[in-house]
Amino acid sequence: MRPILIAAAILILPSAALAHHGWSSYDAAKPIKVTAPVTAVTWGNPHGTAQVTWNGKPWAVVLAPTARMEARGLSQDALAKAKSVTLEGYPRTDGTAEMRIERVTLGDKTIELR
C-alpha cells in the first residue's frame, strides 16, 4: 500500500506545482494605480479575483489568497459592495487587461496584499 501512495504523490505533486502560475507575466517595472468601480468579485483559491472597468474596458484583477486578505481586513462582501476602489499593482507584460494587485484602498482604508 505504501509504495502506491508514494507513486501517487510523485505523480500528483508536479501537476499541482504547474497549476500555480508565477508572477513573471506581470511587469513589476511599470506599477499602475487604478481607481475604478468593481463589477465582479470571485473569492477562491489559489487567489481571489475581481473585475473592474477602467478606461472604458473591463480589467481582470488578480488578488491575494483569500485567507491572507481576510486576515488583513479585506472581505469579499466589502470589496463587492465598494462603489469604487483604488488598486495598486502591475499590468501583464503582454498587454492583456489584467493586473496583479499589491494593495487595495476602500474609502480611507488601505490593505496590503503582498
Protein backbone atom coordinates (compact mmCIF):
# COMPACT_ATOMS: atom_id res chain seq x y z
CA MET A 1 0.00 0.00 0.00
CA ARG A 2 2.77 2.43 0.91
CA PRO A 3 4.54 2.19 -2.49
CA ILE A 4 1.23 3.04 -4.18
CA LEU A 5 0.85 6.18 -2.05
CA ILE A 6 4.41 7.25 -2.78
CA ALA A 7 3.90 6.71 -6.51
CA ALA A 8 0.64 8.68 -6.42
CA ALA A 9 2.35 11.57 -4.61
CA ILE A 10 5.17 11.61 -7.14
CA LEU A 11 2.64 11.84 -9.98
CA ILE A 12 0.34 14.42 -8.35
CA LEU A 13 2.80 16.94 -6.86
CA PRO A 14 4.34 18.17 -10.14
CA SER A 15 0.91 18.85 -11.63
CA ALA A 16 -0.10 20.86 -8.56
CA ALA A 17 3.07 22.92 -8.85
CA LEU A 18 2.42 23.60 -12.53
CA ALA A 19 -1.15 24.68 -11.82
CA HIS A 20 0.06 27.64 -9.76
CA HIS A 21 1.44 30.34 -12.01
CA GLY A 22 4.41 32.58 -11.38
CA TRP A 23 4.39 36.36 -11.41
CA SER A 24 6.81 36.84 -14.31
CA SER A 25 3.92 37.63 -16.66
CA TYR A 26 3.37 40.91 -14.76
CA ASP A 27 5.61 43.94 -15.30
CA ALA A 28 6.92 44.96 -11.85
CA ALA A 29 8.87 47.79 -13.51
CA LYS A 30 5.62 49.53 -14.51
CA PRO A 31 3.39 49.87 -11.44
CA ILE A 32 -0.07 51.28 -12.09
CA LYS A 33 -2.68 52.84 -9.84
CA VAL A 34 -6.31 52.41 -10.89
CA THR A 35 -9.43 53.90 -9.33
CA ALA A 36 -12.47 52.14 -10.73
CA PRO A 37 -15.83 50.57 -9.93
CA VAL A 38 -15.85 46.86 -9.05
CA THR A 39 -18.12 44.87 -11.36
CA ALA A 40 -17.49 41.32 -10.04
CA VAL A 41 -15.63 39.51 -7.24
CA THR A 42 -14.71 35.81 -7.01
CA TRP A 43 -13.45 34.54 -3.66
CA GLY A 44 -11.46 31.34 -4.14
CA ASN A 45 -8.09 29.66 -4.18
CA PRO A 46 -5.34 29.97 -5.10
CA HIS A 47 -6.21 33.69 -5.44
CA GLY A 48 -9.30 35.82 -5.32
CA THR A 49 -10.16 37.74 -8.46
CA ALA A 50 -12.20 40.78 -9.35
CA GLN A 51 -13.31 42.68 -12.41
CA VAL A 52 -13.20 46.45 -12.71
CA THR A 53 -14.00 48.83 -15.54
CA TRP A 54 -11.08 51.16 -16.22
CA ASN A 55 -10.55 53.48 -19.19
CA GLY A 56 -13.73 52.13 -20.73
CA LYS A 57 -12.79 48.46 -20.75
CA PRO A 58 -13.02 45.52 -18.33
CA TRP A 59 -9.89 44.59 -16.42
CA ALA A 60 -9.23 41.31 -14.64
CA VAL A 61 -7.73 41.79 -11.19
CA VAL A 62 -5.64 39.06 -9.53
CA LEU A 63 -5.84 39.41 -5.76
CA ALA A 64 -4.07 37.58 -2.92
CA PRO A 65 -5.13 34.27 -1.35
CA THR A 66 -8.46 34.69 0.42
CA ALA A 67 -7.14 33.73 3.86
CA ARG A 68 -4.47 36.45 3.64
CA MET A 69 -6.96 39.09 2.53
CA GLU A 70 -9.37 38.22 5.32
CA ALA A 71 -6.56 38.21 7.91
CA ARG A 72 -5.60 41.72 6.75
CA GLY A 73 -9.15 43.03 6.87
CA LEU A 74 -10.43 42.71 3.30
CA SER A 75 -13.65 40.73 2.93
CA GLN A 76 -15.42 39.60 -0.21
CA ASP A 77 -18.51 41.50 0.89
CA ALA A 78 -16.64 44.80 1.39
CA LEU A 79 -14.94 44.52 -1.99
CA ALA A 80 -18.14 43.53 -3.79
CA LYS A 81 -20.13 46.40 -2.23
CA ALA A 82 -17.50 49.06 -2.91
CA LYS A 83 -18.70 51.73 -5.32
CA SER A 84 -15.10 52.41 -6.27
CA VAL A 85 -11.71 51.04 -5.24
CA THR A 86 -8.15 52.15 -5.77
CA LEU A 87 -5.87 49.31 -6.84
CA GLU A 88 -2.10 49.45 -6.99
CA GLY A 89 -0.26 46.73 -8.82
CA TYR A 90 1.36 45.57 -12.01
CA PRO A 91 -0.08 45.08 -15.51
CA ARG A 92 0.55 42.00 -17.62
CA THR A 93 3.58 42.17 -19.86
CA ASP A 94 1.61 41.05 -22.93
CA GLY A 95 -0.83 43.98 -22.86
CA THR A 96 -3.81 41.93 -21.66
CA ALA A 97 -6.19 44.00 -19.50
CA GLU A 98 -5.18 42.23 -16.29
CA MET A 99 -3.25 43.31 -13.24
CA ARG A 100 -1.73 41.71 -10.15
CA ILE A 101 -2.64 43.75 -7.09
CA GLU A 102 -0.25 44.75 -4.31
CA ARG A 103 -2.68 46.93 -2.33
CA VAL A 104 -6.35 47.86 -2.28
CA THR A 105 -7.85 51.07 -0.91
CA LEU A 106 -11.53 51.13 0.09
CA GLY A 107 -12.54 54.56 1.32
CA ASP A 108 -9.79 55.62 3.74
CA LYS A 109 -8.53 52.07 4.46
CA THR A 110 -5.56 50.65 2.52
CA ILE A 111 -4.90 46.90 2.71
CA GLU A 112 -1.50 45.49 1.75
CA LEU A 113 -1.99 42.19 -0.08
CA ARG A 114 1.59 41.04 -0.58
